[in-house]
Every structure is written in C-alpha cells, then in structure tokens.
Amino acid sequence: MKRKRFKQKRSVLARIFRTRLIFIILLILVQGALYFLAGVNTKFQIIWAIFHVVIITTMTLIIINSSWHRNNYKLAWIVPVLLMPVFGTVLYILTYLADSRAVFAEKSKEILGKTNKYFENGTDSILEYLPCEEKSMVHLASKTYWFPAYINYESKYLSTGMEYFDALIADIKNAKKYIFLEYFIICEGKIWNEILSILKQKVQDGVEVRVMYDGTNVIKYVNFKYDEELTSYGIDVRVFSRLSLSYDSYLNDRDHRKIAIIDGEVAYTGGVNIHDEYAGLTNNYSSFKDGGVRLCGSIVNSFIIMFLHLWDLELDDMSDYKKYVIKNSVANELEGLSKKEKDNLAYAIPYSHYPRFGQMVAESFILSLINYATEYVYIYTPYLIMDEVMEQALIQAAGRGVSVHLILPKEPGKIYTYVLAHSHYKKLIKNNINIYEYPGMVHFKNFLSDDKRGIIGSINMDYRSMFLDYENAVYFYNDPILKDMKSDMEETIKKSKKFTMADVKKFSALEKIAAAVMKLIAPLM
C-alpha cells in the first residue's frame, strides 16, 4: 500500500517563490539591473552605495556571523553576499532562514524520540570493562547520540568493491523475509542489473524489498521517473529529497549513506555505491579502491532503525519498527564471555549523522579516534577539504609523536577536490604528516589508530560530510577486523607515491591561485 508523503509547511517566502529556477533567474536579473543603473546614473550610484554597503551587506553579515556554522563555512557565504548582495542575501535567507529545513529537523527529532526505545540494549553494562577514554566514547554515543554498542556480532572486512558486491549479491539471493537497500548512487549497469534481477524474483517469492536512493541520481545515473519503474516491479521505493524546480531549502542536505540489510541478520556499509565503477568494471580510473564491511548478529538492529528513520522522514506515517527490530541485551551477552574476553572486550557502534541537530556526530567520532591515538593514525579519504578543527587535530597528533598517514587518490574524479586537497599538503607535510597518492581512485572512507580503533563508513573528510549530509559509519574497538584494515592500508601505501616538500614546490602558480580562490567557497562544494 502506497504511503502518504509528509507535507511540510512552507514559509511565506518559499510559497511566494515556488519555482526556484525562475526565482534565481529573477534575482540575477535584479542584481544585473542594479549594477547597470549604478553605472549610468550618478545619483543612483550614491543611493545604491549606501543601500548596498550599509543596509544589505552589513545586516546579512551580522546574520551569517551569528549562525552556528564554522568560520570557514560562514566565509563561504560572505563571499557571494559581498559580490552580489541581492542574490547572495536572498539566497542565504531562503537556504538557512526559511522554515522548511527546521521542519525536517523537527520531523527527524520526532521520529528519533518515538523510536529511541528500540536502540536500548543495556550498553552501560560494558563500561566497567573499558579504559577511561572508551567509557567516554560509549557514553557519548549511547546517551547523547542514542547509538548503542554491541559485543555479540561478526565482522568481515571487504577490501575491494568486487569482494563487497560478491558477498552482498550472495546474501540477497538467500533473503527470506526482507531486503533494505539505501545508497547515495544507484546506476544502471552490470552490478545493478544483476541485483535488480534478483530483487524482482524476490518480490515474486513474497520477500519485502525496499530501495532508497538520493534525489541527485536523476542528474546523471537514472531517469527522473526511475522510481516508478522500480515500483512497477513490486519494489517499495523512496527517492530521498527529490530534485524539483520548487524551492525547498532542505534540498542542500543529501542522503550520502550506504546501507544494505538482509532479513535483519546481515548488514553492509562502507564507501561503495551501486555502480560498476566501484567494482572496477569501468575505464574511468586506472584503478578504483573501495570496499566496506559485512556485519552479522545483533548489531544489525541499529542499521534497521537508521534505515527506517530516513525512510519515514518524508512520510506522514511511520514504519512498524516492532516488525523488524530484534531486541538484545548486552548484559546477558557479557555473561557468556570469559574473564579474558571481558578484559579485552571488543565492541562496535553503528551510527548515523543527521544534519542540523547541533550534534557533530560524524566529526566527533573521527576527532576522538585521532585525539586518543598514541602510536599511529591511518586514513583513507577521497577528498581532503578540511576546516581548521580537523587540520589542527592531525597536526597536534603528529606533534605528540603519533605517526599520521593520509592516503588519497591521484585521480579523484573532480579537479576541484584535487586542487583543494593539494592546498593542505604544505602545512601537513611541514608538520610531519605523511601524505600518499594512490595511482587511481581511493573512495574508501576508513580511519584507523593504534590497532585499537577504526571507522568504516560513508564519511568523507570534507565539510559536506561532516555537517550537511546524512551519513553513516561503524566505530570499532579492539575488533579483529582492525588487523585486516591495517594490512590493506599498508599494502595500498606501498603502491602509492609519498609526497614531500619538493613535490609541493612543483605545484604550479595557477594551481595555487585556484586553490586560494576555491578555498573561499570550499565548504559549499
């Protein structure tokens, strides 16, 4: 049965300017007209100068400066406001002061409030077996962010995209009850066609199938009505934050998560999207490095809840969580462990980042991993567009004697990300941080420290992942999977080129100028 979509109440401005494309064109024309009048009419120049500088610009800058965003993000908005006051000011107001974003933030909190009970599993019972810093980590995750820890689970590291898809397809074939798929990108090709063929058959067999993908897919990967095609096969489909000409300020928040759940028994996450490129089946890159993790056991419960949270966000009603959630008790699971196992307790915390909650979940886990490191930090990231907080965390870690290693792609796919990443190299290398470029694309988003802590998920080292998009990942402590992560990352380092200050000096003047300019608006990218 088709579920009713949640209808948000639009602000007055949003209702007046329903057609976003026409509105933006109108703003540009108004801005152009004002510049023209200022050029031909001396009297208008004086009046407009006062209005331009004192009223519009100053008031807007005050509003931007008082916002909760980081300074570099504020600067990214200040630039267009100064250059194009009418266009920049109104666009900022509609993007951050119109109430549609607030409506969806409140809707998210409402869903979390009603379903928080399904997360509860007695996580506090493991605290006595953890060192102080991990007690703080678990408390932060379970009490502040609602995400519990799990100890009774199995994990398998999948070091390549093809290994990921082989395992995922095998599990989908064995599904008996339901299949939930949520990916930022779903692209027609060999991989998706094979998965879709299985999904069609599973629907015929009575298996419930839900598929959710981000609305930006229609720009490049699927047609605008692809969800209708999938629905015709009996698949329940959600296009998250569907693109349209109608103005909605929350369109800036994308679903960048990667989650697969089969029968409540198996879950997958990582950097992989459903696209042949991630399996190395295209010629777009010399080599494509990505993968993820396969998880079994009670830990799948958090993935179920996270999936349903976003699925329900734009609907008036809510899913039947009781139908899918399987409760577990960490206290009971502890009783089955030996003293040695308790003293070397391994746990994992699946978590999700929700934009505009005022809780920097994605950033917090990564900063904790870096700040608690005493020996080494390894990082896989396709993008390096950091703010001063993350950059200083890395520099301070290196200053404590921690061996810090960043593994990035030589072929990132987007030229501006390559240029912006290079803009950090000089400062990082100068502070004894090791930077490597892999001969191809690294799309993994992995963080590892001291053979103790690791993160695998969808989170890039850029402002969009840290603050604007819906993201997910898993934090591991003492898990055997960390050895596999380390082995994989060290093998990748062997295949990569290490950058030195001599290499940085070879960056062209044009690249440096481009980086300086792009850094002004980098958080908006």
Protein backbone atom coordinates (compact mmCIF):
# COMPACT_ATOMS: atom_id res chain seq x y z
CA MET A 1 0.00 0.00 0.00
CA LYS A 2 1.35 3.41 -1.01
CA ARG A 3 2.20 5.54 1.99
CA LYS A 4 1.32 9.20 2.18
CA ARG A 5 4.19 11.64 1.83
CA PHE A 6 4.83 14.06 4.66
CA LYS A 7 3.71 17.56 3.69
CA GLN A 8 5.88 20.30 5.14
CA LYS A 9 4.56 23.78 5.84
CA ARG A 10 6.43 26.20 3.64
CA SER A 11 7.50 29.64 4.73
CA VAL A 12 5.85 32.70 3.17
CA LEU A 13 8.95 33.35 1.08
CA ALA A 14 9.11 29.75 -0.08
CA ARG A 15 5.44 29.86 -1.14
CA ILE A 16 5.91 33.15 -2.97
CA PHE A 17 8.93 31.87 -4.86
CA ARG A 18 7.76 28.31 -5.53
CA THR A 19 9.66 27.98 -8.75
CA ARG A 20 13.28 28.01 -7.74
CA LEU A 21 14.77 28.27 -11.21
CA ILE A 22 12.62 31.27 -12.16
CA PHE A 23 13.36 32.87 -8.81
CA ILE A 24 17.13 32.53 -9.17
CA ILE A 25 16.99 33.92 -12.71
CA LEU A 26 14.93 36.84 -11.39
CA LEU A 27 17.49 37.52 -8.66
CA ILE A 28 20.34 37.58 -11.18
CA LEU A 29 18.38 39.97 -13.43
CA VAL A 30 17.64 42.29 -10.50
CA GLN A 31 21.30 42.25 -9.46
CA GLY A 32 22.34 43.00 -13.05
CA ALA A 33 19.83 45.84 -13.33
CA LEU A 34 21.16 47.42 -10.14
CA TYR A 35 24.73 47.25 -11.45
CA PHE A 36 23.56 48.81 -14.73
CA LEU A 37 21.74 51.67 -13.01
CA ALA A 38 24.74 52.29 -10.81
CA GLY A 39 26.85 52.62 -13.93
CA VAL A 40 24.68 55.15 -15.80
CA ASN A 41 23.09 57.25 -13.05
CA THR A 42 25.35 59.19 -10.68
CA LYS A 43 22.57 60.00 -8.22
CA PHE A 44 21.54 56.34 -8.12
CA GLN A 45 25.17 55.39 -7.52
CA ILE A 46 25.23 57.31 -4.24
CA ILE A 47 21.87 55.97 -3.04
CA TRP A 48 22.69 52.44 -4.08
CA ALA A 49 26.14 52.57 -2.46
CA ILE A 50 24.57 53.36 0.91
CA PHE A 51 21.88 50.71 0.49
CA HIS A 52 24.38 48.21 -0.89
CA VAL A 53 27.07 48.55 1.78
CA VAL A 54 25.29 49.67 4.92
CA ILE A 55 21.88 48.01 4.84
CA ILE A 56 22.01 44.79 2.81
CA THR A 57 25.62 43.73 3.29
CA THR A 58 26.05 44.67 6.93
CA MET A 59 22.81 43.12 8.14
CA THR A 60 23.42 39.94 6.22
CA LEU A 61 26.95 39.62 7.54
CA ILE A 62 25.65 40.01 11.08
CA ILE A 63 23.14 37.20 10.49
CA ILE A 64 25.78 34.94 8.95
CA ASN A 65 28.28 35.65 11.71
CA SER A 66 25.73 34.75 14.40
CA SER A 67 24.92 31.38 12.83
CA TRP A 68 26.12 28.09 14.36
CA HIS A 69 28.38 27.20 11.42
CA ARG A 70 32.16 27.09 11.47
CA ASN A 71 34.08 30.20 10.39
CA ASN A 72 35.15 28.80 7.03
CA TYR A 73 31.55 27.99 6.16
CA LYS A 74 30.48 31.49 7.17
CA LEU A 75 33.22 32.89 4.92
CA ALA A 76 31.93 30.80 2.03
CA TRP A 77 28.60 32.65 2.31
CA ILE A 78 30.16 36.06 2.97
CA VAL A 79 31.92 36.00 -0.42
CA PRO A 80 28.75 35.81 -2.60
CA VAL A 81 26.95 38.28 -0.31
CA LEU A 82 29.73 40.84 -0.78
CA LEU A 83 30.00 40.29 -4.53
CA MET A 84 26.25 40.06 -5.24
CA PRO A 85 24.33 41.46 -2.28
CA VAL A 86 20.81 40.94 -3.63
CA PHE A 87 21.39 37.45 -4.97
CA GLY A 88 23.63 36.30 -2.11
CA THR A 89 21.47 37.73 0.66
CA VAL A 90 18.12 36.39 -0.51
CA LEU A 91 19.59 33.00 -1.37
CA TYR A 92 21.11 32.75 2.11
CA ILE A 93 17.83 33.72 3.75
CA LEU A 94 15.91 31.11 1.79
CA THR A 95 18.55 28.46 2.37
CA TYR A 96 19.09 28.90 6.09
CA LEU A 97 16.31 31.06 7.48
CA ALA A 98 13.31 29.63 5.61
CA ASP A 99 11.50 27.17 7.86
CA SER A 100 11.48 24.08 5.62
CA ARG A 101 14.89 22.98 6.98
CA ALA A 102 13.65 23.46 10.53
CA VAL A 103 10.50 21.46 9.76
CA PHE A 104 12.53 18.45 8.65
CA ALA A 105 14.92 18.79 11.57
CA GLU A 106 11.94 18.66 13.91
CA LYS A 107 10.48 15.74 11.97
CA SER A 108 13.78 13.87 12.40
CA LYS A 109 13.83 14.56 16.14
CA GLU A 110 10.21 13.44 16.41
CA ILE A 111 10.98 10.12 14.73
CA LEU A 112 14.08 9.59 16.87
CA GLY A 113 12.13 10.43 20.00
CA LYS A 114 9.45 7.86 19.22
CA THR A 115 11.89 5.12 18.24
CA ASN A 116 14.76 5.71 20.67
CA LYS A 117 13.49 2.84 22.83
CA TYR A 118 14.36 0.37 20.07
CA PHE A 119 18.05 1.31 20.41
CA GLU A 120 18.19 0.46 24.12
CA ASN A 121 20.19 -2.68 24.86
CA GLY A 122 21.90 -2.09 28.22
CA THR A 123 25.12 -0.68 26.78
CA ASP A 124 26.12 0.69 30.21
CA SER A 125 26.93 -2.84 31.38
CA ILE A 126 30.18 -2.89 29.36
CA LEU A 127 31.59 0.32 30.82
CA GLU A 128 33.41 -1.34 33.73
CA TYR A 129 35.50 -3.37 31.27
CA LEU A 130 36.67 -0.39 29.21
CA PRO A 131 39.54 2.10 29.64
CA CYS A 132 38.54 5.66 30.58
CA GLU A 133 38.63 7.11 27.07
CA GLU A 134 36.41 4.32 25.73
CA LYS A 135 33.94 4.79 28.58
CA SER A 136 33.61 8.40 27.44
CA MET A 137 33.18 7.27 23.84
CA VAL A 138 30.43 4.77 24.65
CA HIS A 139 28.67 7.23 26.94
CA LEU A 140 28.74 9.95 24.28
CA ALA A 141 27.42 7.58 21.61
CA SER A 142 24.65 5.95 23.65
CA LYS A 143 23.48 8.82 25.86
CA THR A 144 23.96 11.88 23.65
CA TYR A 145 23.64 10.41 20.16
CA TRP A 146 21.34 7.44 21.02
CA PHE A 147 23.61 4.85 19.35
CA PRO A 148 24.36 1.75 21.49
CA ALA A 149 27.40 -0.50 21.50
CA TYR A 150 27.33 -4.19 20.50
CA ILE A 151 29.59 -7.05 21.52
CA ASN A 152 27.81 -10.09 20.04
CA TYR A 153 28.42 -9.77 16.32
CA GLU A 154 30.64 -10.92 13.47
CA SER A 155 32.52 -8.60 11.13
CA LYS A 156 34.30 -9.15 7.83
CA TYR A 157 36.44 -6.57 6.08
CA LEU A 158 35.82 -6.33 2.34
CA SER A 159 38.90 -4.74 0.79
CA THR A 160 37.64 -4.33 -2.79
CA GLY A 161 34.42 -3.28 -4.44
CA MET A 162 34.06 -6.61 -6.22
CA GLU A 163 34.51 -8.52 -2.96
CA TYR A 164 31.80 -6.31 -1.46
CA PHE A 165 29.35 -6.92 -4.31
CA ASP A 166 30.02 -10.68 -4.45
CA ALA A 167 29.17 -11.01 -0.76
CA LEU A 168 26.15 -8.66 -0.99
CA ILE A 169 24.65 -10.41 -4.01
CA ALA A 170 25.09 -13.82 -2.36
CA ASP A 171 23.22 -12.61 0.73
CA ILE A 172 20.46 -11.02 -1.34
CA LYS A 173 19.95 -14.33 -3.14
CA ASN A 174 19.45 -16.02 0.24
CA ALA A 175 16.94 -13.44 1.57
CA LYS A 176 13.75 -14.94 3.00
CA LYS A 177 11.93 -12.02 4.68
CA TYR A 178 13.10 -8.61 3.52
CA ILE A 179 15.82 -6.62 1.76
CA PHE A 180 16.55 -2.95 2.53
CA LEU A 181 18.95 -1.06 0.24
CA GLU A 182 19.96 2.58 0.74
CA TYR A 183 22.68 4.07 -1.46
CA PHE A 184 23.67 7.57 -2.48
CA ILE A 185 24.14 6.35 -6.05
CA ILE A 186 22.35 3.59 -7.93
CA CYS A 187 23.45 3.39 -11.55
CA GLU A 188 22.22 1.01 -14.23
CA GLY A 189 24.96 -1.36 -15.32
CA LYS A 190 26.23 -4.91 -14.81
CA ILE A 191 26.14 -4.80 -10.99
CA TRP A 192 22.77 -3.09 -10.53
CA ASN A 193 21.14 -5.09 -13.32
CA GLU A 194 22.18 -8.32 -11.63
CA ILE A 195 20.91 -7.10 -8.25
CA LEU A 196 17.66 -5.82 -9.77
CA SER A 197 17.03 -9.16 -11.47
CA ILE A 198 17.32 -10.90 -8.10
CA LEU A 199 15.10 -8.29 -6.41
CA LYS A 200 12.35 -8.83 -8.99
CA GLN A 201 12.40 -12.55 -8.29
CA LYS A 202 12.43 -12.00 -4.54
CA VAL A 203 9.32 -9.84 -4.82
CA GLN A 204 7.63 -12.70 -6.66
CA ASP A 205 8.70 -15.01 -3.83
CA GLY A 206 6.99 -12.79 -1.26
CA VAL A 207 10.12 -11.07 0.08
CA GLU A 208 9.64 -7.41 1.04
CA VAL A 209 12.03 -5.17 -0.90
CA ARG A 210 12.70 -1.52 -0.14
CA VAL A 211 15.14 0.63 -2.15
CA MET A 212 16.13 4.20 -1.29
CA TYR A 213 18.46 6.41 -3.30
CA ASP A 214 19.33 10.09 -3.26
CA GLY A 215 17.42 12.51 -5.47
CA THR A 216 20.60 13.73 -7.20
CA ASN A 217 20.78 10.41 -9.08
CA VAL A 218 18.47 11.87 -11.74
CA ILE A 219 21.20 14.31 -12.77
CA LYS A 220 23.48 11.58 -14.12
CA TYR A 221 22.59 8.00 -13.25
CA VAL A 222 18.87 7.22 -13.64
CA ASN A 223 15.90 8.85 -15.35
CA PHE A 224 13.57 11.16 -13.44
CA LYS A 225 10.83 8.52 -13.17
CA TYR A 226 13.04 5.55 -12.43
CA ASP A 227 11.31 5.06 -9.08
CA GLU A 228 8.05 4.43 -10.98
CA GLU A 229 9.76 1.71 -13.00
CA LEU A 230 11.03 0.02 -9.83
CA THR A 231 7.60 0.34 -8.24
CA SER A 232 6.07 -1.45 -11.21
CA TYR A 233 8.19 -4.48 -10.25
CA GLY A 234 6.66 -4.52 -6.77
CA ILE A 235 9.63 -2.80 -5.10
CA ASP A 236 8.86 -0.15 -2.48
CA VAL A 237 10.94 2.91 -3.46
CA ARG A 238 11.95 6.16 -1.79
CA VAL A 239 13.78 8.93 -3.62
CA PHE A 240 15.31 10.96 -0.82
CA SER A 241 14.98 14.73 -1.18
CA ARG A 242 13.73 14.52 -4.75
CA LEU A 243 15.04 17.32 -7.00
CA SER A 244 12.44 19.71 -8.40
CA LEU A 245 12.02 23.29 -9.55
CA SER A 246 10.01 24.02 -6.42
CA TYR A 247 12.03 25.72 -3.71
CA ASP A 248 12.94 23.61 -0.69
CA SER A 249 15.88 24.72 1.42
CA TYR A 250 16.44 21.20 2.79
CA LEU A 251 17.48 20.10 -0.72
CA ASN A 252 21.02 21.03 0.31
CA ASP A 253 21.01 18.02 2.68
CA ARG A 254 21.69 14.84 0.72
CA ASP A 255 21.47 11.17 1.69
CA HIS A 256 25.09 10.09 1.30
CA ARG A 257 24.67 6.88 3.32
CA LYS A 258 25.44 3.35 2.10
CA ILE A 259 23.42 0.65 3.86
CA ALA A 260 22.19 -2.82 2.95
CA ILE A 261 20.18 -5.05 5.30
CA ILE A 262 19.02 -8.60 4.66
CA ASP A 263 16.45 -10.32 6.91
CA GLY A 264 17.67 -8.44 9.98
CA GLU A 265 20.61 -10.85 10.06
CA VAL A 266 23.22 -9.21 7.80
CA ALA A 267 24.17 -5.58 7.21
CA TYR A 268 26.66 -3.89 4.90
CA THR A 269 28.20 -0.43 4.85
CA GLY A 270 31.30 1.29 3.50
CA GLY A 271 32.20 3.64 0.69
CA VAL A 272 30.64 1.60 -2.09
CA ASN A 273 27.73 2.84 -4.21
CA ILE A 274 25.86 0.50 -6.56
CA HIS A 275 27.73 1.35 -9.73
CA ASP A 276 30.04 -0.69 -11.97
CA GLU A 277 32.78 1.86 -11.30
CA TYR A 278 33.08 0.72 -7.68
CA ALA A 279 33.68 -2.85 -8.79
CA GLY A 280 36.44 -1.76 -11.15
CA LEU A 281 34.34 -2.61 -14.22
CA THR A 282 34.75 0.73 -16.00
CA ASN A 283 37.71 2.52 -17.55
CA ASN A 284 37.08 5.80 -15.75
CA TYR A 285 40.12 5.32 -13.49
CA SER A 286 43.44 3.49 -13.66
CA SER A 287 42.36 1.65 -10.53
CA PHE A 288 39.42 2.01 -8.13
CA LYS A 289 39.96 1.33 -4.42
CA ASP A 290 36.82 0.89 -2.34
CA GLY A 291 35.08 -1.66 -0.17
CA GLY A 292 33.30 -1.96 3.14
CA VAL A 293 32.28 -4.27 5.94
CA ARG A 294 29.82 -7.13 6.33
CA LEU A 295 28.22 -7.46 9.77
CA CYS A 296 26.10 -10.22 11.33
CA GLY A 297 24.32 -10.56 14.66
CA SER A 298 22.51 -8.15 16.98
CA ILE A 299 24.50 -5.21 15.59
CA VAL A 300 22.20 -5.25 12.53
CA ASN A 301 19.48 -3.81 14.77
CA SER A 302 20.99 -0.31 14.63
CA PHE A 303 21.14 -0.44 10.85
CA ILE A 304 17.45 -1.35 10.69
CA ILE A 305 16.49 1.61 12.88
CA MET A 306 18.75 4.03 11.00
CA PHE A 307 17.31 2.92 7.67
CA LEU A 308 13.71 3.28 8.83
CA HIS A 309 14.44 6.72 10.31
CA LEU A 310 15.34 8.17 6.93
CA TRP A 311 12.72 6.13 5.09
CA ASP A 312 9.99 7.68 7.24
CA LEU A 313 11.32 11.24 7.14
CA GLU A 314 9.13 12.48 4.29
CA LEU A 315 6.09 10.32 5.12
CA ASP A 316 3.10 11.14 7.29
CA ASP A 317 3.04 7.72 8.94
CA MET A 318 5.81 5.56 10.36
CA SER A 319 7.05 2.05 9.68
CA ASP A 320 6.19 -0.77 12.06
CA TYR A 321 9.52 -0.95 13.88
CA LYS A 322 8.38 -3.89 16.00
CA LYS A 323 8.10 -5.96 12.84
CA TYR A 324 11.83 -5.63 12.12
CA VAL A 325 13.69 -4.80 15.32
CA ILE A 326 15.20 -7.65 17.32
CA LYS A 327 15.97 -6.65 20.90
CA ASN A 328 19.21 -7.75 22.52
CA SER A 329 20.76 -7.44 25.97
CA VAL A 330 24.45 -6.65 26.26
CA ALA A 331 24.34 -7.67 29.94
CA ASN A 332 23.16 -11.17 29.00
CA GLU A 333 25.78 -11.40 26.27
CA LEU A 334 28.51 -10.44 28.75
CA GLU A 335 27.61 -13.41 30.95
CA GLY A 336 28.69 -15.77 28.20
CA LEU A 337 32.18 -14.28 27.95
CA SER A 338 35.29 -15.47 29.79
CA LYS A 339 37.29 -13.14 32.05
CA LYS A 340 39.96 -12.85 29.36
CA GLU A 341 37.37 -11.85 26.76
CA LYS A 342 35.90 -9.26 29.12
CA ASP A 343 39.34 -7.82 29.88
CA ASN A 344 39.97 -7.47 26.13
CA LEU A 345 36.43 -6.57 25.22
CA ALA A 346 35.71 -5.74 21.59
CA TYR A 347 32.68 -3.69 20.64
CA ALA A 348 31.22 -1.75 17.72
CA ILE A 349 28.87 1.22 17.42
CA PRO A 350 26.94 1.78 14.17
CA TYR A 351 25.94 5.43 13.95
CA SER A 352 24.38 7.98 11.66
CA HIS A 353 24.87 11.71 11.20
CA TYR A 354 21.75 13.89 11.00
CA PRO A 355 22.23 17.45 9.68
CA ARG A 356 21.24 20.49 11.76
CA PHE A 357 20.86 18.63 15.07
CA GLY A 358 23.63 20.72 16.57
CA GLN A 359 25.47 17.46 17.32
CA MET A 360 28.56 16.93 15.19
CA VAL A 361 28.30 13.14 15.22
CA ALA A 362 30.40 12.45 12.12
CA GLU A 363 33.18 14.77 13.22
CA SER A 364 33.10 13.68 16.88
CA PHE A 365 33.94 10.03 16.22
CA ILE A 366 36.81 10.91 13.87
CA LEU A 367 38.26 13.53 16.21
CA SER A 368 38.09 11.08 19.12
CA LEU A 369 39.96 8.46 17.12
CA ILE A 370 42.67 10.97 16.24
CA ASN A 371 42.90 12.57 19.68
CA TYR A 372 43.15 9.23 21.53
CA ALA A 373 45.89 7.92 19.22
CA THR A 374 49.31 7.35 20.75
CA GLU A 375 51.13 5.37 18.04
CA TYR A 376 49.68 5.84 14.55
CA VAL A 377 46.71 7.06 12.51
CA TYR A 378 45.89 5.77 9.01
CA ILE A 379 43.21 7.50 6.93
CA TYR A 380 41.65 6.63 3.58
CA THR A 381 39.72 9.56 2.10
CA PRO A 382 38.82 10.52 -1.48
CA TYR A 383 38.51 14.18 -0.51
CA LEU A 384 40.60 16.37 1.77
CA ILE A 385 38.69 19.61 2.27
CA MET A 386 39.19 20.20 5.99
CA ASP A 387 38.39 23.04 8.31
CA GLU A 388 40.83 24.27 10.93
CA VAL A 389 39.48 21.94 13.66
CA MET A 390 40.24 18.70 11.80
CA GLU A 391 43.50 20.02 10.42
CA GLN A 392 44.72 21.01 13.88
CA ALA A 393 43.72 17.63 15.30
CA LEU A 394 46.00 15.91 12.77
CA ILE A 395 48.84 18.37 13.37
CA GLN A 396 48.57 18.01 17.15
CA ALA A 397 48.58 14.22 16.85
CA ALA A 398 51.79 14.38 14.84
CA GLY A 399 53.17 16.80 17.43
CA ARG A 400 52.54 14.17 20.14
CA GLY A 401 54.71 11.74 18.21
CA VAL A 402 51.84 9.90 16.51
CA SER A 403 52.70 8.64 13.02
CA VAL A 404 49.95 10.11 10.83
CA HIS A 405 49.32 8.75 7.31
CA LEU A 406 46.79 10.11 4.80
CA ILE A 407 46.03 8.05 1.69
CA LEU A 408 44.35 10.00 -1.12
CA PRO A 409 43.64 9.40 -4.81
CA LYS A 410 45.85 10.54 -7.66
CA GLU A 411 42.70 10.53 -9.81
CA PRO A 412 39.90 11.96 -7.63
CA GLY A 413 37.45 12.44 -10.49
CA LYS A 414 36.74 16.09 -9.66
CA ILE A 415 39.53 18.53 -10.44
CA TYR A 416 38.50 21.00 -7.73
CA THR A 417 38.81 18.34 -5.00
CA TYR A 418 42.33 17.54 -6.21
CA VAL A 419 43.33 21.21 -6.11
CA LEU A 420 41.77 21.75 -2.68
CA ALA A 421 43.45 18.63 -1.27
CA HIS A 422 46.82 19.91 -2.52
CA SER A 423 46.22 23.19 -0.70
CA HIS A 424 46.61 21.32 2.62
CA TYR A 425 49.79 19.42 1.68
CA LYS A 426 52.40 22.05 2.51
CA LYS A 427 51.16 22.67 6.05
CA LEU A 428 50.58 18.99 6.80
CA ILE A 429 53.93 17.78 5.44
CA LYS A 430 55.70 20.60 7.25
CA ASN A 431 54.19 19.23 10.46
CA ASN A 432 55.48 15.68 9.83
CA ILE A 433 52.27 14.21 8.42
CA ASN A 434 52.73 11.56 5.73
CA ILE A 435 50.66 12.00 2.56
CA TYR A 436 50.34 9.38 -0.16
CA GLU A 437 48.57 9.46 -3.50
CA TYR A 438 47.24 6.15 -4.80
CA PRO A 439 47.58 5.65 -8.59
CA GLY A 440 43.84 5.71 -9.25
CA MET A 441 40.78 6.49 -7.16
CA VAL A 442 40.60 5.84 -3.41
CA HIS A 443 36.93 6.01 -2.45
CA PHE A 444 37.19 4.18 0.89
CA LYS A 445 36.43 6.28 3.96
CA ASN A 446 38.42 4.45 6.64
CA PHE A 447 40.08 5.69 9.82
CA LEU A 448 42.39 3.53 11.96
CA SER A 449 44.55 4.11 15.04
CA ASP A 450 46.85 2.04 17.26
CA ASP A 451 45.38 -1.38 16.32
CA LYS A 452 42.56 -0.41 18.72
CA ARG A 453 40.10 1.89 16.97
CA GLY A 454 38.68 2.02 13.49
CA ILE A 455 35.87 3.62 11.49
CA ILE A 456 34.36 2.36 8.23
CA GLY A 457 31.52 4.16 6.52
CA SER A 458 30.36 6.85 4.13
CA ILE A 459 32.00 9.89 5.76
CA ASN A 460 34.48 11.95 3.72
CA MET A 461 36.93 14.44 5.20
CA ASP A 462 35.04 17.45 3.92
CA TYR A 463 32.52 19.94 5.28
CA ARG A 464 29.56 18.41 3.44
CA SER A 465 30.03 15.00 5.06
CA MET A 466 30.79 16.43 8.49
CA PHE A 467 27.87 18.84 8.69
CA LEU A 468 25.44 18.91 5.74
CA ASP A 469 24.66 15.37 4.57
CA TYR A 470 23.07 12.32 6.13
CA GLU A 471 25.95 9.89 6.71
CA ASN A 472 26.62 6.59 8.45
CA ALA A 473 29.57 4.58 9.72
CA VAL A 474 30.65 1.98 12.27
CA TYR A 475 33.13 2.63 15.07
CA PHE A 476 35.15 -0.46 16.09
CA TYR A 477 37.17 -1.01 19.24
CA ASN A 478 39.53 -4.00 19.70
CA ASP A 479 37.83 -5.80 16.82
CA PRO A 480 39.94 -8.32 14.83
CA ILE A 481 38.78 -6.50 11.68
CA LEU A 482 41.26 -3.75 12.54
CA LYS A 483 44.18 -6.01 11.60
CA ASP A 484 42.66 -6.52 8.16
CA MET A 485 42.15 -2.78 7.78
CA LYS A 486 45.76 -2.10 8.71
CA SER A 487 47.11 -4.74 6.35
CA ASP A 488 45.01 -3.35 3.49
CA MET A 489 46.05 0.25 4.13
CA GLU A 490 49.73 -0.63 4.39
CA GLU A 491 49.52 -2.55 1.10
CA THR A 492 47.91 0.49 -0.51
CA ILE A 493 50.68 2.73 0.83
CA LYS A 494 53.24 0.50 -0.87
CA LYS A 495 51.50 1.13 -4.21
CA SER A 496 51.25 4.87 -3.64
CA LYS A 497 53.54 7.86 -4.10
CA LYS A 498 54.64 9.64 -0.94
CA PHE A 499 54.62 13.42 -1.27
CA THR A 500 57.49 15.56 0.00
CA MET A 501 58.06 19.32 0.26
CA ALA A 502 59.99 19.05 -3.01
CA ASP A 503 56.81 17.75 -4.68
CA VAL A 504 54.74 20.54 -3.14
CA LYS A 505 57.10 23.14 -4.59
CA LYS A 506 56.29 21.76 -8.05
CA PHE A 507 52.63 22.77 -7.77
CA SER A 508 52.05 25.43 -10.42
CA ALA A 509 51.28 29.05 -9.60
CA LEU A 510 47.93 28.63 -11.38
CA GLU A 511 47.00 25.71 -9.12
CA LYS A 512 47.93 27.69 -6.00
CA ILE A 513 45.84 30.67 -7.12
CA ALA A 514 42.92 28.40 -7.98
CA ALA A 515 43.17 26.73 -4.56
CA ALA A 516 43.22 30.09 -2.78
CA VAL A 517 40.08 31.18 -4.62
CA MET A 518 38.24 27.86 -4.24
CA LYS A 519 39.02 27.68 -0.53
CA LEU A 520 36.74 30.68 -0.07
CA ILE A 521 33.72 28.63 -1.13
CA ALA A 522 35.04 25.10 -0.49
CA PRO A 523 32.52 24.33 2.31
CA LEU A 524 29.66 24.87 -0.14
CA MET A 525 31.00 22.26 -2.60
